[in-house]
Amino acid sequence: MIIVTTDFVPGYEIVETLGIVAGSIVNSKHLGKDIAAAFKTLAGGEIKSYTELLVESRNIALKRMISEAEKLGADAVVGVRFGSASVMQSAAEIFAYGTAVRLKKKE
């Protein structure tokens, strides 16, 4: 599966557009991590537990998007984007979306 943020894949032509595919996850840290993060904001600096949470969440959303594309028989997902939204205090949705396509190698 080819995943690109561009609207094309170099060396290939898009022969069929299968539709929009997306994957998302809503994730949160447990209360203990939230308390530690609150103290960290007083001193400043990176809150590593949240960074790790967001990286993990982004990877899960991407895998779910790819799974949707595979179900459609796609060769690639073009125009991939990531987004996030606050769902509630200490919980965020991370989502990935793009257009599933079938490709043909350029001659």
C-alpha atoms as a PDB file:
ATOM      1  CA  MET A   1       0.000   0.000   0.000  1.00  0.00           C
ATOM      2  CA  ILE A   2       1.404   3.356  -1.052  1.00  0.00           C
ATOM      3  CA  ILE A   3       0.528   6.266   1.238  1.00  0.00           C
ATOM      4  CA  VAL A   4       1.276   9.823   0.076  1.00  0.00           C
ATOM      5  CA  THR A   5       0.262  13.327   1.045  1.00  0.00           C
ATOM      6  CA  THR A   6       0.369  14.424  -2.593  1.00  0.00           C
ATOM      7  CA  ASP A   7      -2.514  14.040  -5.055  1.00  0.00           C
ATOM      8  CA  PHE A   8      -0.469  11.714  -7.266  1.00  0.00           C
ATOM      9  CA  VAL A   9       2.106   8.942  -7.006  1.00  0.00           C
ATOM     10  CA  PRO A  10       5.243   9.548  -9.085  1.00  0.00           C
ATOM     11  CA  GLY A  11       5.646   6.910 -11.784  1.00  0.00           C
ATOM     12  CA  TYR A  12       1.988   5.846 -11.635  1.00  0.00           C
ATOM     13  CA  GLU A  13      -1.291   7.041 -13.038  1.00  0.00           C
ATOM     14  CA  ILE A  14      -4.540   6.867 -11.133  1.00  0.00           C
ATOM     15  CA  VAL A  15      -6.922   4.603 -13.044  1.00  0.00           C
ATOM     16  CA  GLU A  16      -9.764   4.515 -10.532  1.00  0.00           C
ATOM     17  CA  THR A  17     -10.816   6.573  -7.552  1.00  0.00           C
ATOM     18  CA  LEU A  18     -12.491   4.387  -4.931  1.00  0.00           C
ATOM     19  CA  GLY A  19     -13.512   7.033  -2.413  1.00  0.00           C
ATOM     20  CA  ILE A  20     -12.541   8.672   0.831  1.00  0.00           C
ATOM     21  CA  VAL A  21     -11.095   6.447   3.535  1.00  0.00           C
ATOM     22  CA  ALA A  22     -10.534   7.397   7.150  1.00  0.00           C
ATOM     23  CA  GLY A  23      -9.339   6.016  10.431  1.00  0.00           C
ATOM     24  CA  SER A  24      -9.641   7.508  13.885  1.00  0.00           C
ATOM     25  CA  ILE A  25      -9.107   6.860  17.569  1.00  0.00           C
ATOM     26  CA  VAL A  26     -10.132   8.669  20.727  1.00  0.00           C
ATOM     27  CA  ASN A  27      -7.485   8.218  23.377  1.00  0.00           C
ATOM     28  CA  SER A  28      -6.673   9.551  26.831  1.00  0.00           C
ATOM     29  CA  LYS A  29      -4.076   9.087  29.559  1.00  0.00           C
ATOM     30  CA  HIS A  30      -4.963   7.903  33.019  1.00  0.00           C
ATOM     31  CA  LEU A  31      -5.416  10.322  35.888  1.00  0.00           C
ATOM     32  CA  GLY A  32      -1.901   9.825  37.262  1.00  0.00           C
ATOM     33  CA  LYS A  33      -0.346  10.901  33.967  1.00  0.00           C
ATOM     34  CA  ASP A  34      -2.681  13.926  33.811  1.00  0.00           C
ATOM     35  CA  ILE A  35      -1.565  15.056  37.275  1.00  0.00           C
ATOM     36  CA  ALA A  36       2.105  14.650  36.323  1.00  0.00           C
ATOM     37  CA  ALA A  37       1.457  16.603  33.103  1.00  0.00           C
ATOM     38  CA  ALA A  38      -0.210  19.405  35.071  1.00  0.00           C
ATOM     39  CA  PHE A  39       2.927  19.787  37.199  1.00  0.00           C
ATOM     40  CA  LYS A  40       5.088  19.723  34.069  1.00  0.00           C
ATOM     41  CA  THR A  41       3.160  22.677  32.626  1.00  0.00           C
ATOM     42  CA  LEU A  42       4.221  24.738  35.644  1.00  0.00           C
ATOM     43  CA  ALA A  43       7.909  24.136  34.925  1.00  0.00           C
ATOM     44  CA  GLY A  44       7.609  24.115  31.133  1.00  0.00           C
ATOM     45  CA  GLY A  45       9.031  21.703  28.587  1.00  0.00           C
ATOM     46  CA  GLU A  46       7.836  18.695  26.659  1.00  0.00           C
ATOM     47  CA  ILE A  47       5.179  16.486  28.208  1.00  0.00           C
ATOM     48  CA  LYS A  48       6.578  13.189  26.938  1.00  0.00           C
ATOM     49  CA  SER A  49       3.647  11.031  28.019  1.00  0.00           C
ATOM     50  CA  TYR A  50       1.318  13.108  25.815  1.00  0.00           C
ATOM     51  CA  THR A  51       3.784  13.096  22.929  1.00  0.00           C
ATOM     52  CA  GLU A  52       3.940   9.297  23.123  1.00  0.00           C
ATOM     53  CA  LEU A  53       0.132   9.095  23.304  1.00  0.00           C
ATOM     54  CA  LEU A  54      -0.296  11.218  20.187  1.00  0.00           C
ATOM     55  CA  VAL A  55       2.336   9.303  18.200  1.00  0.00           C
ATOM     56  CA  GLU A  56       0.691   6.011  19.156  1.00  0.00           C
ATOM     57  CA  SER A  57      -2.764   7.388  18.321  1.00  0.00           C
ATOM     58  CA  ARG A  58      -1.622   8.730  14.936  1.00  0.00           C
ATOM     59  CA  ASN A  59      -0.170   5.326  14.027  1.00  0.00           C
ATOM     60  CA  ILE A  60      -3.399   3.548  14.989  1.00  0.00           C
ATOM     61  CA  ALA A  61      -5.516   6.006  12.972  1.00  0.00           C
ATOM     62  CA  LEU A  62      -3.207   5.514   9.973  1.00  0.00           C
ATOM     63  CA  LYS A  63      -3.458   1.709  10.241  1.00  0.00           C
ATOM     64  CA  ARG A  64      -7.254   1.934  10.402  1.00  0.00           C
ATOM     65  CA  MET A  65      -7.323   4.165   7.318  1.00  0.00           C
ATOM     66  CA  ILE A  66      -5.109   1.694   5.440  1.00  0.00           C
ATOM     67  CA  SER A  67      -7.391  -1.160   6.477  1.00  0.00           C
ATOM     68  CA  GLU A  68     -10.378   0.674   4.965  1.00  0.00           C
ATOM     69  CA  ALA A  69      -8.441   1.238   1.733  1.00  0.00           C
ATOM     70  CA  GLU A  70      -7.481  -2.442   1.555  1.00  0.00           C
ATOM     71  CA  LYS A  71     -11.149  -3.440   1.913  1.00  0.00           C
ATOM     72  CA  LEU A  72     -11.860  -1.367  -1.206  1.00  0.00           C
ATOM     73  CA  GLY A  73      -9.012  -3.038  -3.124  1.00  0.00           C
ATOM     74  CA  ALA A  74      -6.911   0.125  -3.289  1.00  0.00           C
ATOM     75  CA  ASP A  75      -3.259   0.227  -4.317  1.00  0.00           C
ATOM     76  CA  ALA A  76      -2.680   3.590  -2.655  1.00  0.00           C
ATOM     77  CA  VAL A  77      -4.145   6.386  -0.590  1.00  0.00           C
ATOM     78  CA  VAL A  78      -3.402   9.862  -1.933  1.00  0.00           C
ATOM     79  CA  GLY A  79      -3.895  13.264  -0.345  1.00  0.00           C
ATOM     80  CA  VAL A  80      -3.445  11.876   3.165  1.00  0.00           C
ATOM     81  CA  ARG A  81      -4.037  14.318   5.981  1.00  0.00           C
ATOM     82  CA  PHE A  82      -4.110  14.108   9.777  1.00  0.00           C
ATOM     83  CA  GLY A  83      -6.318  16.031  12.151  1.00  0.00           C
ATOM     84  CA  SER A  84      -7.243  16.155  15.792  1.00  0.00           C
ATOM     85  CA  ALA A  85     -10.112  17.325  17.911  1.00  0.00           C
ATOM     86  CA  SER A  86     -10.723  17.625  21.613  1.00  0.00           C
ATOM     87  CA  VAL A  87     -13.553  15.284  22.564  1.00  0.00           C
ATOM     88  CA  MET A  88     -13.575  16.017  26.285  1.00  0.00           C
ATOM     89  CA  GLN A  89     -11.088  17.138  28.909  1.00  0.00           C
ATOM     90  CA  SER A  90      -8.037  14.842  28.670  1.00  0.00           C
ATOM     91  CA  ALA A  91      -9.328  12.956  25.609  1.00  0.00           C
ATOM     92  CA  ALA A  92      -8.545  13.710  21.990  1.00  0.00           C
ATOM     93  CA  GLU A  93      -9.536  12.235  18.653  1.00  0.00           C
ATOM     94  CA  ILE A  94      -6.780  11.735  16.110  1.00  0.00           C
ATOM     95  CA  PHE A  95      -7.880  11.006  12.570  1.00  0.00           C
ATOM     96  CA  ALA A  96      -6.269  10.224   9.238  1.00  0.00           C
ATOM     97  CA  TYR A  97      -8.026  10.473   5.898  1.00  0.00           C
ATOM     98  CA  GLY A  98      -7.330  10.414   2.182  1.00  0.00           C
ATOM     99  CA  THR A  99      -8.561   9.129  -1.159  1.00  0.00           C
ATOM    100  CA  ALA A 100      -8.256   5.421  -1.965  1.00  0.00           C
ATOM    101  CA  VAL A 101      -7.177   4.794  -5.561  1.00  0.00           C
ATOM    102  CA  ARG A 102      -6.082   2.071  -7.944  1.00  0.00           C
ATOM    103  CA  LEU A 103      -2.882   2.698  -9.839  1.00  0.00           C
ATOM    104  CA  LYS A 104      -1.191   1.674 -13.069  1.00  0.00           C
ATOM    105  CA  LYS A 105       2.554   1.949 -13.616  1.00  0.00           C
ATOM    106  CA  LYS A 106       3.413   4.572 -16.246  1.00  0.00           C
ATOM    107  CA  GLU A 107       5.107   3.218 -19.315  1.00  0.00           C
END
